[in-house]
Amino acid sequence: MNKKIINFIATIVVAFIFSQFLSWWSVMLAAFLIAFLIPLKKAAVFIVPFLSVALLWIVQSWILSSTNDYILAKKIAILLPLGGNPFVLMLVTGIIGGLAAGIAAVFGKQCQILFGNKSK
């Protein structure tokens, strides 16, 4: 299987497991660990964890909001300049989580290079 797909799936699984026990920053820890263990090249280092965590957070926020008919999401979307649209709020939530994971993954890749095999 392609390293990008493995990284994508592993990031989602580890981020989901960590999010059951830790706070919101657990996605950063998951992205860091997976990028350290399954390194990618070039822009994929940022994009793959970004997309995986963004998808995870969008799906989780949709599941949580759909059970209560988007009541809280609508109120928060009114407070923020989102026009009261809960789906835009879910998209913004995914982007924020994705940015955090992507930056952490880049740091994980840099640490993997730093602590990796020097003879390459």
PDB file of N, CA and C in Angstrom:
ATOM      1  N   MET A   1       0.841  -1.185   0.000  1.00  0.00           N
ATOM      2  CA  MET A   1       0.000   0.000   0.000  1.00  0.00           C
ATOM      3  C   MET A   1       0.885   1.247   0.000  1.00  0.00           C
ATOM      4  N   ASN A   2       0.389   2.293  -0.547  1.00  0.00           N
ATOM      5  CA  ASN A   2       1.116   3.544  -0.651  1.00  0.00           C
ATOM      6  C   ASN A   2       1.354   4.151   0.738  1.00  0.00           C
ATOM      7  N   LYS A   3       2.531   4.761   0.932  1.00  0.00           N
ATOM      8  CA  LYS A   3       2.856   5.359   2.233  1.00  0.00           C
ATOM      9  C   LYS A   3       1.888   6.487   2.599  1.00  0.00           C
ATOM     10  N   LYS A   4       1.402   7.193   1.590  1.00  0.00           N
ATOM     11  CA  LYS A   4       0.475   8.292   1.866  1.00  0.00           C
ATOM     12  C   LYS A   4      -0.846   7.768   2.428  1.00  0.00           C
ATOM     13  N   ILE A   5      -1.326   6.682   1.867  1.00  0.00           N
ATOM     14  CA  ILE A   5      -2.581   6.107   2.348  1.00  0.00           C
ATOM     15  C   ILE A   5      -2.405   5.536   3.747  1.00  0.00           C
ATOM     16  N   ILE A   6      -1.280   4.860   3.973  1.00  0.00           N
ATOM     17  CA  ILE A   6      -1.001   4.315   5.302  1.00  0.00           C
ATOM     18  C   ILE A   6      -0.909   5.440   6.322  1.00  0.00           C
ATOM     19  N   ASN A   7      -0.206   6.521   5.962  1.00  0.00           N
ATOM     20  CA  ASN A   7      -0.075   7.675   6.850  1.00  0.00           C
ATOM     21  C   ASN A   7      -1.443   8.294   7.120  1.00  0.00           C
ATOM     22  N   PHE A   8      -2.263   8.426   6.097  1.00  0.00           N
ATOM     23  CA  PHE A   8      -3.598   9.012   6.220  1.00  0.00           C
ATOM     24  C   PHE A   8      -4.456   8.209   7.200  1.00  0.00           C
ATOM     25  N   ILE A   9      -4.511   6.896   6.981  1.00  0.00           N
ATOM     26  CA  ILE A   9      -5.342   6.040   7.829  1.00  0.00           C
ATOM     27  C   ILE A   9      -4.796   5.974   9.247  1.00  0.00           C
ATOM     28  N   ALA A  10      -3.483   5.848   9.380  1.00  0.00           N
ATOM     29  CA  ALA A  10      -2.871   5.767  10.709  1.00  0.00           C
ATOM     30  C   ALA A  10      -3.087   7.059  11.493  1.00  0.00           C
ATOM     31  N   THR A  11      -3.000   8.192  10.822  1.00  0.00           N
ATOM     32  CA  THR A  11      -3.215   9.467  11.502  1.00  0.00           C
ATOM     33  C   THR A  11      -4.649   9.570  12.004  1.00  0.00           C
ATOM     34  N   ILE A  12      -5.610   9.161  11.193  1.00  0.00           N
ATOM     35  CA  ILE A  12      -7.011   9.210  11.615  1.00  0.00           C
ATOM     36  C   ILE A  12      -7.240   8.285  12.817  1.00  0.00           C
ATOM     37  N   VAL A  13      -6.725   7.067  12.723  1.00  0.00           N
ATOM     38  CA  VAL A  13      -6.962   6.089  13.796  1.00  0.00           C
ATOM     39  C   VAL A  13      -6.312   6.543  15.102  1.00  0.00           C
ATOM     40  N   VAL A  14      -5.048   6.947  15.038  1.00  0.00           N
ATOM     41  CA  VAL A  14      -4.342   7.361  16.251  1.00  0.00           C
ATOM     42  C   VAL A  14      -4.947   8.653  16.815  1.00  0.00           C
ATOM     43  N   ALA A  15      -5.300   9.591  15.947  1.00  0.00           N
ATOM     44  CA  ALA A  15      -5.919  10.835  16.418  1.00  0.00           C
ATOM     45  C   ALA A  15      -7.267  10.560  17.075  1.00  0.00           C
ATOM     46  N   PHE A  16      -8.043   9.650  16.522  1.00  0.00           N
ATOM     47  CA  PHE A  16      -9.330   9.311  17.123  1.00  0.00           C
ATOM     48  C   PHE A  16      -9.143   8.660  18.488  1.00  0.00           C
ATOM     49  N   ILE A  17      -8.198   7.727  18.580  1.00  0.00           N
ATOM     50  CA  ILE A  17      -7.946   7.057  19.863  1.00  0.00           C
ATOM     51  C   ILE A  17      -7.443   8.054  20.896  1.00  0.00           C
ATOM     52  N   PHE A  18      -6.484   8.896  20.509  1.00  0.00           N
ATOM     53  CA  PHE A  18      -5.969   9.896  21.449  1.00  0.00           C
ATOM     54  C   PHE A  18      -7.048  10.887  21.872  1.00  0.00           C
ATOM     55  N   SER A  19      -7.951  11.228  20.964  1.00  0.00           N
ATOM     56  CA  SER A  19      -8.977  12.216  21.296  1.00  0.00           C
ATOM     57  C   SER A  19      -9.995  11.677  22.297  1.00  0.00           C
ATOM     58  N   GLN A  20     -10.052  10.364  22.474  1.00  0.00           N
ATOM     59  CA  GLN A  20     -10.947   9.793  23.469  1.00  0.00           C
ATOM     60  C   GLN A  20     -10.435  10.013  24.890  1.00  0.00           C
ATOM     61  N   PHE A  21      -9.111  10.228  25.026  1.00  0.00           N
ATOM     62  CA  PHE A  21      -8.503  10.334  26.346  1.00  0.00           C
ATOM     63  C   PHE A  21      -7.849  11.684  26.617  1.00  0.00           C
ATOM     64  N   LEU A  22      -7.477  12.404  25.577  1.00  0.00           N
ATOM     65  CA  LEU A  22      -6.749  13.664  25.731  1.00  0.00           C
ATOM     66  C   LEU A  22      -7.575  14.822  25.194  1.00  0.00           C
ATOM     67  N   SER A  23      -7.004  15.988  25.232  1.00  0.00           N
ATOM     68  CA  SER A  23      -7.682  17.207  24.801  1.00  0.00           C
ATOM     69  C   SER A  23      -7.566  17.376  23.277  1.00  0.00           C
ATOM     70  N   TRP A  24      -7.918  18.558  22.792  1.00  0.00           N
ATOM     71  CA  TRP A  24      -7.920  18.827  21.354  1.00  0.00           C
ATOM     72  C   TRP A  24      -6.538  18.709  20.747  1.00  0.00           C
ATOM     73  N   TRP A  25      -5.493  18.978  21.520  1.00  0.00           N
ATOM     74  CA  TRP A  25      -4.133  18.952  20.988  1.00  0.00           C
ATOM     75  C   TRP A  25      -3.641  17.536  20.737  1.00  0.00           C
ATOM     76  N   SER A  26      -4.432  16.528  21.079  1.00  0.00           N
ATOM     77  CA  SER A  26      -4.031  15.142  20.839  1.00  0.00           C
ATOM     78  C   SER A  26      -3.850  14.860  19.351  1.00  0.00           C
ATOM     79  N   VAL A  27      -4.551  15.589  18.478  1.00  0.00           N
ATOM     80  CA  VAL A  27      -4.364  15.385  17.044  1.00  0.00           C
ATOM     81  C   VAL A  27      -2.963  15.818  16.622  1.00  0.00           C
ATOM     82  N   MET A  28      -2.417  16.814  17.314  1.00  0.00           N
ATOM     83  CA  MET A  28      -1.051  17.235  17.010  1.00  0.00           C
ATOM     84  C   MET A  28      -0.058  16.157  17.413  1.00  0.00           C
ATOM     85  N   LEU A  29      -0.274  15.551  18.550  1.00  0.00           N
ATOM     86  CA  LEU A  29       0.587  14.465  19.002  1.00  0.00           C
ATOM     87  C   LEU A  29       0.494  13.276  18.045  1.00  0.00           C
ATOM     88  N   ALA A  30      -0.694  12.952  17.605  1.00  0.00           N
ATOM     89  CA  ALA A  30      -0.882  11.846  16.663  1.00  0.00           C
ATOM     90  C   ALA A  30      -0.184  12.125  15.337  1.00  0.00           C
ATOM     91  N   ALA A  31      -0.356  13.324  14.814  1.00  0.00           N
ATOM     92  CA  ALA A  31       0.283  13.680  13.541  1.00  0.00           C
ATOM     93  C   ALA A  31       1.804  13.679  13.672  1.00  0.00           C
ATOM     94  N   PHE A  32       2.307  14.167  14.802  1.00  0.00           N
ATOM     95  CA  PHE A  32       3.749  14.163  15.045  1.00  0.00           C
ATOM     96  C   PHE A  32       4.286  12.736  15.060  1.00  0.00           C
ATOM     97  N   LEU A  33       3.634  11.853  15.817  1.00  0.00           N
ATOM     98  CA  LEU A  33       4.099  10.471  15.935  1.00  0.00           C
ATOM     99  C   LEU A  33       4.046   9.724  14.606  1.00  0.00           C
ATOM    100  N   ILE A  34       2.966   9.884  13.880  1.00  0.00           N
ATOM    101  CA  ILE A  34       2.831   9.176  12.605  1.00  0.00           C
ATOM    102  C   ILE A  34       3.823   9.728  11.585  1.00  0.00           C
ATOM    103  N   ALA A  35       4.039  11.035  11.559  1.00  0.00           N
ATOM    104  CA  ALA A  35       5.020  11.603  10.637  1.00  0.00           C
ATOM    105  C   ALA A  35       6.438  11.169  10.996  1.00  0.00           C
ATOM    106  N   PHE A  36       6.673  10.965  12.277  1.00  0.00           N
ATOM    107  CA  PHE A  36       7.987  10.493  12.717  1.00  0.00           C
ATOM    108  C   PHE A  36       8.196   9.029  12.317  1.00  0.00           C
ATOM    109  N   LEU A  37       7.148   8.221  12.433  1.00  0.00           N
ATOM    110  CA  LEU A  37       7.260   6.791  12.151  1.00  0.00           C
ATOM    111  C   LEU A  37       7.073   6.446  10.676  1.00  0.00           C
ATOM    112  N   ILE A  38       6.202   7.166   9.987  1.00  0.00           N
ATOM    113  CA  ILE A  38       5.931   6.917   8.570  1.00  0.00           C
ATOM    114  C   ILE A  38       6.205   8.222   7.809  1.00  0.00           C
ATOM    115  N   PRO A  39       7.457   8.521   7.533  1.00  0.00           N
ATOM    116  CA  PRO A  39       7.781   9.813   6.914  1.00  0.00           C
ATOM    117  C   PRO A  39       7.330   9.891   5.455  1.00  0.00           C
ATOM    118  N   LEU A  40       6.865  11.051   5.082  1.00  0.00           N
ATOM    119  CA  LEU A  40       6.486  11.330   3.699  1.00  0.00           C
ATOM    120  C   LEU A  40       7.457  12.347   3.121  1.00  0.00           C
ATOM    121  N   LYS A  41       7.309  12.641   1.844  1.00  0.00           N
ATOM    122  CA  LYS A  41       8.221  13.574   1.191  1.00  0.00           C
ATOM    123  C   LYS A  41       7.461  14.785   0.680  1.00  0.00           C
ATOM    124  N   LYS A  42       8.183  15.872   0.587  1.00  0.00           N
ATOM    125  CA  LYS A  42       7.730  17.138   0.008  1.00  0.00           C
ATOM    126  C   LYS A  42       6.460  17.647   0.688  1.00  0.00           C
ATOM    127  N   ALA A  43       5.508  18.113  -0.085  1.00  0.00           N
ATOM    128  CA  ALA A  43       4.306  18.744   0.458  1.00  0.00           C
ATOM    129  C   ALA A  43       3.371  17.745   1.130  1.00  0.00           C
ATOM    130  N   ALA A  44       3.518  16.464   0.815  1.00  0.00           N
ATOM    131  CA  ALA A  44       2.651  15.438   1.414  1.00  0.00           C
ATOM    132  C   ALA A  44       2.835  15.365   2.922  1.00  0.00           C
ATOM    133  N   VAL A  45       3.995  15.804   3.418  1.00  0.00           N
ATOM    134  CA  VAL A  45       4.241  15.807   4.864  1.00  0.00           C
ATOM    135  C   VAL A  45       3.190  16.662   5.568  1.00  0.00           C
ATOM    136  N   PHE A  46       2.799  17.767   4.967  1.00  0.00           N
ATOM    137  CA  PHE A  46       1.793  18.660   5.546  1.00  0.00           C
ATOM    138  C   PHE A  46       0.380  18.286   5.099  1.00  0.00           C
ATOM    139  N   ILE A  47       0.209  17.995   3.821  1.00  0.00           N
ATOM    140  CA  ILE A  47      -1.132  17.848   3.250  1.00  0.00           C
ATOM    141  C   ILE A  47      -1.856  16.600   3.757  1.00  0.00           C
ATOM    142  N   VAL A  48      -1.166  15.471   3.851  1.00  0.00           N
ATOM    143  CA  VAL A  48      -1.836  14.223   4.262  1.00  0.00           C
ATOM    144  C   VAL A  48      -2.367  14.319   5.692  1.00  0.00           C
ATOM    145  N   PRO A  49      -1.557  14.730   6.688  1.00  0.00           N
ATOM    146  CA  PRO A  49      -2.134  14.883   8.039  1.00  0.00           C
ATOM    147  C   PRO A  49      -3.191  15.981   8.107  1.00  0.00           C
ATOM    148  N   PHE A  50      -3.003  17.048   7.329  1.00  0.00           N
ATOM    149  CA  PHE A  50      -4.006  18.113   7.283  1.00  0.00           C
ATOM    150  C   PHE A  50      -5.356  17.548   6.866  1.00  0.00           C
ATOM    151  N   LEU A  51      -5.370  16.811   5.768  1.00  0.00           N
ATOM    152  CA  LEU A  51      -6.628  16.264   5.264  1.00  0.00           C
ATOM    153  C   LEU A  51      -7.222  15.210   6.196  1.00  0.00           C
ATOM    154  N   SER A  52      -6.364  14.387   6.788  1.00  0.00           N
ATOM    155  CA  SER A  52      -6.891  13.335   7.660  1.00  0.00           C
ATOM    156  C   SER A  52      -7.539  13.910   8.914  1.00  0.00           C
ATOM    157  N   VAL A  53      -6.887  14.867   9.560  1.00  0.00           N
ATOM    158  CA  VAL A  53      -7.463  15.450  10.777  1.00  0.00           C
ATOM    159  C   VAL A  53      -8.642  16.362  10.434  1.00  0.00           C
ATOM    160  N   ALA A  54      -8.557  17.077   9.319  1.00  0.00           N
ATOM    161  CA  ALA A  54      -9.698  17.898   8.918  1.00  0.00           C
ATOM    162  C   ALA A  54     -10.922  17.019   8.681  1.00  0.00           C
ATOM    163  N   LEU A  55     -10.733  15.901   8.003  1.00  0.00           N
ATOM    164  CA  LEU A  55     -11.840  14.977   7.788  1.00  0.00           C
ATOM    165  C   LEU A  55     -12.363  14.425   9.105  1.00  0.00           C
ATOM    166  N   LEU A  56     -11.448  14.039   9.990  1.00  0.00           N
ATOM    167  CA  LEU A  56     -11.853  13.507  11.296  1.00  0.00           C
ATOM    168  C   LEU A  56     -12.674  14.524  12.069  1.00  0.00           C
ATOM    169  N   TRP A  57     -12.199  15.747  12.159  1.00  0.00           N
ATOM    170  CA  TRP A  57     -12.910  16.764  12.939  1.00  0.00           C
ATOM    171  C   TRP A  57     -14.230  17.160  12.291  1.00  0.00           C
ATOM    172  N   ILE A  58     -14.288  17.219  10.974  1.00  0.00           N
ATOM    173  CA  ILE A  58     -15.552  17.560  10.305  1.00  0.00           C
ATOM    174  C   ILE A  58     -16.582  16.463  10.550  1.00  0.00           C
ATOM    175  N   VAL A  59     -16.163  15.217  10.427  1.00  0.00           N
ATOM    176  CA  VAL A  59     -17.096  14.100  10.653  1.00  0.00           C
ATOM    177  C   VAL A  59     -17.541  14.052  12.112  1.00  0.00           C
ATOM    178  N   GLN A  60     -16.591  14.226  13.038  1.00  0.00           N
ATOM    179  CA  GLN A  60     -16.965  14.206  14.457  1.00  0.00           C
ATOM    180  C   GLN A  60     -17.905  15.356  14.804  1.00  0.00           C
ATOM    181  N   SER A  61     -17.628  16.550  14.283  1.00  0.00           N
ATOM    182  CA  SER A  61     -18.516  17.678  14.596  1.00  0.00           C
ATOM    183  C   SER A  61     -19.883  17.494  13.941  1.00  0.00           C
ATOM    184  N   TRP A  62     -19.928  16.892  12.761  1.00  0.00           N
ATOM    185  CA  TRP A  62     -21.205  16.632  12.125  1.00  0.00           C
ATOM    186  C   TRP A  62     -22.010  15.614  12.925  1.00  0.00           C
ATOM    187  N   ILE A  63     -21.346  14.543  13.387  1.00  0.00           N
ATOM    188  CA  ILE A  63     -22.048  13.519  14.172  1.00  0.00           C
ATOM    189  C   ILE A  63     -22.586  14.116  15.479  1.00  0.00           C
ATOM    190  N   LEU A  64     -21.744  14.888  16.165  1.00  0.00           N
ATOM    191  CA  LEU A  64     -22.182  15.494  17.427  1.00  0.00           C
ATOM    192  C   LEU A  64     -23.302  16.506  17.218  1.00  0.00           C
ATOM    193  N   SER A  65     -23.225  17.289  16.148  1.00  0.00           N
ATOM    194  CA  SER A  65     -24.228  18.326  15.923  1.00  0.00           C
ATOM    195  C   SER A  65     -25.536  17.768  15.370  1.00  0.00           C
ATOM    196  N   SER A  66     -25.456  16.727  14.577  1.00  0.00           N
ATOM    197  CA  SER A  66     -26.684  16.200  13.978  1.00  0.00           C
ATOM    198  C   SER A  66     -27.579  15.523  15.010  1.00  0.00           C
ATOM    199  N   THR A  67     -26.997  15.076  16.118  1.00  0.00           N
ATOM    200  CA  THR A  67     -27.826  14.428  17.132  1.00  0.00           C
ATOM    201  C   THR A  67     -28.725  15.419  17.872  1.00  0.00           C
ATOM    202  N   ASN A  68     -28.362  16.700  17.873  1.00  0.00           N
ATOM    203  CA  ASN A  68     -29.199  17.693  18.559  1.00  0.00           C
ATOM    204  C   ASN A  68     -29.739  18.749  17.589  1.00  0.00           C
ATOM    205  N   ASP A  69     -29.861  18.372  16.322  1.00  0.00           N
ATOM    206  CA  ASP A  69     -30.425  19.236  15.290  1.00  0.00           C
ATOM    207  C   ASP A  69     -29.642  20.539  15.116  1.00  0.00           C
ATOM    208  N   TYR A  70     -28.333  20.498  15.319  1.00  0.00           N
ATOM    209  CA  TYR A  70     -27.411  21.620  15.088  1.00  0.00           C
ATOM    210  C   TYR A  70     -27.732  22.856  15.931  1.00  0.00           C
ATOM    211  N   ILE A  71     -28.336  22.682  17.082  1.00  0.00           N
ATOM    212  CA  ILE A  71     -28.743  23.820  17.916  1.00  0.00           C
ATOM    213  C   ILE A  71     -27.532  24.621  18.378  1.00  0.00           C
ATOM    214  N   LEU A  72     -26.569  23.967  19.009  1.00  0.00           N
ATOM    215  CA  LEU A  72     -25.393  24.674  19.515  1.00  0.00           C
ATOM    216  C   LEU A  72     -24.529  25.196  18.371  1.00  0.00           C
ATOM    217  N   ALA A  73     -24.391  24.415  17.301  1.00  0.00           N
ATOM    218  CA  ALA A  73     -23.586  24.849  16.163  1.00  0.00           C
ATOM    219  C   ALA A  73     -24.163  26.108  15.523  1.00  0.00           C
ATOM    220  N   LYS A  74     -25.491  26.201  15.444  1.00  0.00           N
ATOM    221  CA  LYS A  74     -26.119  27.396  14.891  1.00  0.00           C
ATOM    222  C   LYS A  74     -25.854  28.617  15.768  1.00  0.00           C
ATOM    223  N   LYS A  75     -25.917  28.424  17.088  1.00  0.00           N
ATOM    224  CA  LYS A  75     -25.675  29.548  18.005  1.00  0.00           C
ATOM    225  C   LYS A  75     -24.229  30.016  17.940  1.00  0.00           C
ATOM    226  N   ILE A  76     -23.296  29.089  17.849  1.00  0.00           N
ATOM    227  CA  ILE A  76     -21.884  29.474  17.741  1.00  0.00           C
ATOM    228  C   ILE A  76     -21.621  30.126  16.392  1.00  0.00           C
ATOM    229  N   ALA A  77     -22.246  29.627  15.337  1.00  0.00           N
ATOM    230  CA  ALA A  77     -22.077  30.222  14.009  1.00  0.00           C
ATOM    231  C   ALA A  77     -22.651  31.633  13.946  1.00  0.00           C
ATOM    232  N   ILE A  78     -23.626  31.927  14.797  1.00  0.00           N
ATOM    233  CA  ILE A  78     -24.143  33.296  14.870  1.00  0.00           C
ATOM    234  C   ILE A  78     -23.155  34.195  15.594  1.00  0.00           C
ATOM    235  N   LEU A  79     -22.544  33.670  16.674  1.00  0.00           N
ATOM    236  CA  LEU A  79     -21.556  34.458  17.415  1.00  0.00           C
ATOM    237  C   LEU A  79     -20.337  34.788  16.556  1.00  0.00           C
ATOM    238  N   LEU A  80     -19.889  33.826  15.773  1.00  0.00           N
ATOM    239  CA  LEU A  80     -18.781  34.056  14.852  1.00  0.00           C
ATOM    240  C   LEU A  80     -19.345  34.637  13.557  1.00  0.00           C
ATOM    241  N   PRO A  81     -18.566  35.334  12.786  1.00  0.00           N
ATOM    242  CA  PRO A  81     -19.109  35.915  11.541  1.00  0.00           C
ATOM    243  C   PRO A  81     -19.256  34.865  10.432  1.00  0.00           C
ATOM    244  N   LEU A  82     -20.119  33.878  10.655  1.00  0.00           N
ATOM    245  CA  LEU A  82     -20.319  32.796   9.698  1.00  0.00           C
ATOM    246  C   LEU A  82     -21.744  32.782   9.152  1.00  0.00           C
ATOM    247  N   GLY A  83     -22.501  33.803   9.436  1.00  0.00           N
ATOM    248  CA  GLY A  83     -23.853  33.896   8.910  1.00  0.00           C
ATOM    249  C   GLY A  83     -24.821  32.896   9.511  1.00  0.00           C
ATOM    250  N   GLY A  84     -24.489  32.320  10.648  1.00  0.00           N
ATOM    251  CA  GLY A  84     -25.375  31.375  11.301  1.00  0.00           C
ATOM    252  C   GLY A  84     -25.415  30.000  10.645  1.00  0.00           C
ATOM    253  N   ASN A  85     -24.487  29.726   9.748  1.00  0.00           N
ATOM    254  CA  ASN A  85     -24.462  28.448   9.041  1.00  0.00           C
ATOM    255  C   ASN A  85     -23.611  27.443   9.819  1.00  0.00           C
ATOM    256  N   PRO A  86     -24.206  26.389  10.362  1.00  0.00           N
ATOM    257  CA  PRO A  86     -23.434  25.418  11.142  1.00  0.00           C
ATOM    258  C   PRO A  86     -22.459  24.607  10.299  1.00  0.00           C
ATOM    259  N   PHE A  87     -22.735  24.447   9.010  1.00  0.00           N
ATOM    260  CA  PHE A  87     -21.852  23.672   8.152  1.00  0.00           C
ATOM    261  C   PHE A  87     -20.558  24.428   7.841  1.00  0.00           C
ATOM    262  N   VAL A  88     -20.647  25.738   7.760  1.00  0.00           N
ATOM    263  CA  VAL A  88     -19.428  26.540   7.613  1.00  0.00           C
ATOM    264  C   VAL A  88     -18.602  26.454   8.889  1.00  0.00           C
ATOM    265  N   LEU A  89     -19.264  26.427  10.027  1.00  0.00           N
ATOM    266  CA  LEU A  89     -18.565  26.248  11.303  1.00  0.00           C
ATOM    267  C   LEU A  89     -17.837  24.911  11.332  1.00  0.00           C
ATOM    268  N   MET A  90     -18.454  23.857  10.830  1.00  0.00           N
ATOM    269  CA  MET A  90     -17.791  22.554  10.776  1.00  0.00           C
ATOM    270  C   MET A  90     -16.582  22.590   9.848  1.00  0.00           C
ATOM    271  N   LEU A  91     -16.697  23.310   8.747  1.00  0.00           N
ATOM    272  CA  LEU A  91     -15.573  23.447   7.822  1.00  0.00           C
ATOM    273  C   LEU A  91     -14.421  24.215   8.473  1.00  0.00           C
ATOM    274  N   VAL A  92     -14.736  25.289   9.168  1.00  0.00           N
ATOM    275  CA  VAL A  92     -13.707  26.066   9.873  1.00  0.00           C
ATOM    276  C   VAL A  92     -13.060  25.211  10.959  1.00  0.00           C
ATOM    277  N   THR A  93     -13.854  24.425  11.649  1.00  0.00           N
ATOM    278  CA  THR A  93     -13.329  23.525  12.669  1.00  0.00           C
ATOM    279  C   THR A  93     -12.338  22.541  12.058  1.00  0.00           C
ATOM    280  N   GLY A  94     -12.692  21.970  10.925  1.00  0.00           N
ATOM    281  CA  GLY A  94     -11.803  21.033  10.242  1.00  0.00           C
ATOM    282  C   GLY A  94     -10.515  21.685   9.777  1.00  0.00           C
ATOM    283  N   ILE A  95     -10.610  22.904   9.287  1.00  0.00           N
ATOM    284  CA  ILE A  95      -9.415  23.621   8.823  1.00  0.00           C
ATOM    285  C   ILE A  95      -8.479  23.914   9.982  1.00  0.00           C
ATOM    286  N   ILE A  96      -9.021  24.321  11.108  1.00  0.00           N
ATOM    287  CA  ILE A  96      -8.185  24.611  12.280  1.00  0.00           C
ATOM    288  C   ILE A  96      -7.485  23.343  12.770  1.00  0.00           C
ATOM    289  N   GLY A  97      -8.210  22.256  12.876  1.00  0.00           N
ATOM    290  CA  GLY A  97      -7.603  20.990  13.283  1.00  0.00           C
ATOM    291  C   GLY A  97      -6.580  20.500  12.276  1.00  0.00           C
ATOM    292  N   GLY A  98      -6.884  20.667  10.999  1.00  0.00           N
ATOM    293  CA  GLY A  98      -5.955  20.259   9.952  1.00  0.00           C
ATOM    294  C   GLY A  98      -4.665  21.057   9.972  1.00  0.00           C
ATOM    295  N   LEU A  99      -4.767  22.356  10.198  1.00  0.00           N
ATOM    296  CA  LEU A  99      -3.561  23.184  10.293  1.00  0.00           C
ATOM    297  C   LEU A  99      -2.690  22.760  11.463  1.00  0.00           C
ATOM    298  N   ALA A 100      -3.322  22.498  12.600  1.00  0.00           N
ATOM    299  CA  ALA A 100      -2.561  22.063  13.774  1.00  0.00           C
ATOM    300  C   ALA A 100      -1.854  20.746  13.495  1.00  0.00           C
ATOM    301  N   ALA A 101      -2.546  19.805  12.873  1.00  0.00           N
ATOM    302  CA  ALA A 101      -1.952  18.504  12.579  1.00  0.00           C
ATOM    303  C   ALA A 101      -0.869  18.606  11.512  1.00  0.00           C
ATOM    304  N   GLY A 102      -1.096  19.422  10.506  1.00  0.00           N
ATOM    305  CA  GLY A 102      -0.098  19.568   9.444  1.00  0.00           C
ATOM    306  C   GLY A 102       1.200  20.164   9.951  1.00  0.00           C
ATOM    307  N   ILE A 103       1.101  21.167  10.792  1.00  0.00           N
ATOM    308  CA  ILE A 103       2.304  21.788  11.357  1.00  0.00           C
ATOM    309  C   ILE A 103       3.024  20.806  12.274  1.00  0.00           C
ATOM    310  N   ALA A 104       2.276  20.056  13.069  1.00  0.00           N
ATOM    311  CA  ALA A 104       2.891  19.055  13.950  1.00  0.00           C
ATOM    312  C   ALA A 104       3.559  17.951  13.134  1.00  0.00           C
ATOM    313  N   ALA A 105       2.970  17.585  12.014  1.00  0.00           N
ATOM    314  CA  ALA A 105       3.567  16.551  11.171  1.00  0.00           C
ATOM    315  C   ALA A 105       4.864  17.030  10.535  1.00  0.00           C
ATOM    316  N   VAL A 106       4.907  18.285  10.133  1.00  0.00           N
ATOM    317  CA  VAL A 106       6.155  18.832   9.597  1.00  0.00           C
ATOM    318  C   VAL A 106       7.237  18.797  10.670  1.00  0.00           C
ATOM    319  N   PHE A 107       6.874  19.121  11.893  1.00  0.00           N
ATOM    320  CA  PHE A 107       7.825  19.045  12.998  1.00  0.00           C
ATOM    321  C   PHE A 107       8.259  17.598  13.239  1.00  0.00           C
ATOM    322  N   GLY A 108       7.334  16.659  13.138  1.00  0.00           N
ATOM    323  CA  GLY A 108       7.672  15.249  13.287  1.00  0.00           C
ATOM    324  C   GLY A 108       8.634  14.780  12.210  1.00  0.00           C
ATOM    325  N   LYS A 109       8.423  15.227  10.977  1.00  0.00           N
ATOM    326  CA  LYS A 109       9.336  14.885   9.879  1.00  0.00           C
ATOM    327  C   LYS A 109      10.719  15.476  10.127  1.00  0.00           C
ATOM    328  N   GLN A 110      10.767  16.711  10.618  1.00  0.00           N
ATOM    329  CA  GLN A 110      12.051  17.336  10.902  1.00  0.00           C
ATOM    330  C   GLN A 110      12.793  16.605  12.024  1.00  0.00           C
ATOM    331  N   CYS A 111      12.060  16.172  13.034  1.00  0.00           N
ATOM    332  CA  CYS A 111      12.687  15.395  14.117  1.00  0.00           C
ATOM    333  C   CYS A 111      13.150  14.039  13.610  1.00  0.00           C
ATOM    334  N   GLN A 112      12.397  13.438  12.696  1.00  0.00           N
ATOM    335  CA  GLN A 112      12.805  12.161  12.121  1.00  0.00           C
ATOM    336  C   GLN A 112      14.096  12.336  11.326  1.00  0.00           C
ATOM    337  N   ILE A 113      14.235  13.419  10.608  1.00  0.00           N
ATOM    338  CA  ILE A 113      15.470  13.698   9.869  1.00  0.00           C
ATOM    339  C   ILE A 113      16.615  13.951  10.842  1.00  0.00           C
ATOM    340  N   LEU A 114      16.340  14.695  11.900  1.00  0.00           N
ATOM    341  CA  LEU A 114      17.366  15.033  12.872  1.00  0.00           C
ATOM    342  C   LEU A 114      17.872  13.805  13.610  1.00  0.00           C
ATOM    343  N   PHE A 115      16.967  12.932  14.045  1.00  0.00           N
ATOM    344  CA  PHE A 115      17.349  11.761  14.821  1.00  0.00           C
ATOM    345  C   PHE A 115      17.501  10.507  13.973  1.00  0.00           C
ATOM    346  N   GLY A 116      17.255  10.623  12.672  1.00  0.00           N
ATOM    347  CA  GLY A 116      17.318   9.466  11.799  1.00  0.00           C
ATOM    348  C   GLY A 116      18.730   8.998  11.539  1.00  0.00           C
ATOM    349  N   ASN A 117      18.846   8.073  10.612  1.00  0.00           N
ATOM    350  CA  ASN A 117      20.138   7.490  10.272  1.00  0.00           C
ATOM    351  C   ASN A 117      21.008   8.531   9.577  1.00  0.00           C
ATOM    352  N   LYS A 118      22.173   8.803  10.108  1.00  0.00           N
ATOM    353  CA  LYS A 118      23.081   9.818   9.556  1.00  0.00           C
ATOM    354  C   LYS A 118      23.862   9.304   8.350  1.00  0.00           C
ATOM    355  N   SER A 119      23.871   7.989   8.093  1.00  0.00           N
ATOM    356  CA  SER A 119      24.681   7.439   7.016  1.00  0.00           C
ATOM    357  C   SER A 119      23.986   7.484   5.659  1.00  0.00           C
ATOM    358  N   LYS A 120      22.756   7.966   5.583  1.00  0.00           N
ATOM    359  CA  LYS A 120      22.015   8.009   4.309  1.00  0.00           C
ATOM    360  C   LYS A 120      22.555   9.071   3.401  1.00  0.00           C
TER     361      LYS A 120
END
